């Protein structure tokens, strides 16, 4: 994800970069909080797979 602090352009374009970053981060956090962390705490490989899945949902 691009750092919106480095966004250039008009005020509207810079604002849009911050909104995009916020939405992406919020989506990742919501996905993480939806995980059954108690169950995954006993399964490190499954936890890593879920974290990789969440990270994979970010645009390249």
C-alpha atoms as a PDB file:
ATOM      1  CA  UNK A   1       0.000   0.000   0.000  1.00  0.00           C
ATOM      2  CA  UNK A   2       1.318   3.421  -0.870  1.00  0.00           C
ATOM      3  CA  UNK A   3       2.015   5.795   1.995  1.00  0.00           C
ATOM      4  CA  UNK A   4      -0.520   8.617   1.606  1.00  0.00           C
ATOM      5  CA  UNK A   5       1.934  11.007   3.265  1.00  0.00           C
ATOM      6  CA  UNK A   6       3.843  10.923  -0.025  1.00  0.00           C
ATOM      7  CA  UNK A   7       0.778  11.698  -2.165  1.00  0.00           C
ATOM      8  CA  UNK A   8       1.041  14.600  -4.545  1.00  0.00           C
ATOM      9  CA  UNK A   9      -1.469  16.503  -6.607  1.00  0.00           C
ATOM     10  CA  UNK A  10      -4.435  18.623  -5.758  1.00  0.00           C
ATOM     11  CA  UNK A  11      -5.909  18.736  -2.274  1.00  0.00           C
ATOM     12  CA  UNK A  12      -8.686  16.441  -3.487  1.00  0.00           C
ATOM     13  CA  UNK A  13      -6.172  13.895  -4.852  1.00  0.00           C
ATOM     14  CA  UNK A  14      -4.189  13.931  -1.618  1.00  0.00           C
ATOM     15  CA  UNK A  15      -7.373  13.557   0.428  1.00  0.00           C
ATOM     16  CA  UNK A  16      -8.385  10.629  -1.791  1.00  0.00           C
ATOM     17  CA  UNK A  17      -5.039   8.924  -1.132  1.00  0.00           C
ATOM     18  CA  UNK A  18      -5.644   9.158   2.620  1.00  0.00           C
ATOM     19  CA  UNK A  19      -9.192   7.863   2.245  1.00  0.00           C
ATOM     20  CA  UNK A  20      -7.956   4.888   0.187  1.00  0.00           C
ATOM     21  CA  UNK A  21      -5.298   4.040   2.774  1.00  0.00           C
ATOM     22  CA  UNK A  22      -7.827   4.341   5.598  1.00  0.00           C
ATOM     23  CA  UNK A  23     -10.299   2.039   3.842  1.00  0.00           C
ATOM     24  CA  UNK A  24      -7.627  -0.558   3.085  1.00  0.00           C
ATOM     25  CA  UNK A  25      -6.304  -0.542   6.641  1.00  0.00           C
ATOM     26  CA  UNK A  26      -9.797  -0.657   8.100  1.00  0.00           C
ATOM     27  CA  UNK A  27     -10.661  -3.638   5.907  1.00  0.00           C
ATOM     28  CA  UNK A  28      -7.542  -5.500   7.026  1.00  0.00           C
ATOM     29  CA  UNK A  29      -8.235  -4.732  10.689  1.00  0.00           C
ATOM     30  CA  UNK A  30     -11.854  -5.873  10.364  1.00  0.00           C
ATOM     31  CA  UNK A  31     -10.726  -9.125   8.733  1.00  0.00           C
ATOM     32  CA  UNK A  32      -8.191  -9.675  11.509  1.00  0.00           C
ATOM     33  CA  UNK A  33     -10.721  -8.983  14.272  1.00  0.00           C
ATOM     34  CA  UNK A  34     -13.151 -11.432  12.660  1.00  0.00           C
ATOM     35  CA  UNK A  35     -10.658 -14.292  13.089  1.00  0.00           C
ATOM     36  CA  UNK A  36     -11.164 -16.867  15.827  1.00  0.00           C
ATOM     37  CA  UNK A  37      -7.904 -16.006  17.556  1.00  0.00           C
ATOM     38  CA  UNK A  38      -8.469 -18.469  20.399  1.00  0.00           C
ATOM     39  CA  UNK A  39      -8.593 -21.354  17.927  1.00  0.00           C
ATOM     40  CA  UNK A  40      -5.775 -19.993  15.785  1.00  0.00           C
ATOM     41  CA  UNK A  41      -3.508 -19.510  18.820  1.00  0.00           C
ATOM     42  CA  UNK A  42      -3.118 -23.273  18.895  1.00  0.00           C
ATOM     43  CA  UNK A  43      -2.433 -23.475  15.151  1.00  0.00           C
ATOM     44  CA  UNK A  44       0.468 -21.202  14.168  1.00  0.00           C
ATOM     45  CA  UNK A  45       0.444 -22.372  10.546  1.00  0.00           C
ATOM     46  CA  UNK A  46      -3.266 -21.651  10.222  1.00  0.00           C
ATOM     47  CA  UNK A  47      -2.804 -18.224  11.804  1.00  0.00           C
ATOM     48  CA  UNK A  48      -0.003 -17.427   9.359  1.00  0.00           C
ATOM     49  CA  UNK A  49      -2.188 -18.574   6.461  1.00  0.00           C
ATOM     50  CA  UNK A  50      -4.989 -16.256   7.597  1.00  0.00           C
ATOM     51  CA  UNK A  51      -2.597 -13.330   7.979  1.00  0.00           C
ATOM     52  CA  UNK A  52      -1.160 -14.030   4.520  1.00  0.00           C
ATOM     53  CA  UNK A  53      -4.722 -14.125   3.140  1.00  0.00           C
ATOM     54  CA  UNK A  54      -5.469 -10.739   4.686  1.00  0.00           C
ATOM     55  CA  UNK A  55      -2.221  -9.275   3.396  1.00  0.00           C
ATOM     56  CA  UNK A  56      -2.997 -10.722  -0.037  1.00  0.00           C
ATOM     57  CA  UNK A  57      -6.210  -8.731  -0.138  1.00  0.00           C
ATOM     58  CA  UNK A  58      -4.162  -5.523  -0.387  1.00  0.00           C
ATOM     59  CA  UNK A  59      -3.463  -4.163  -3.849  1.00  0.00           C
ATOM     60  CA  UNK A  60       0.054  -4.746  -5.106  1.00  0.00           C
END
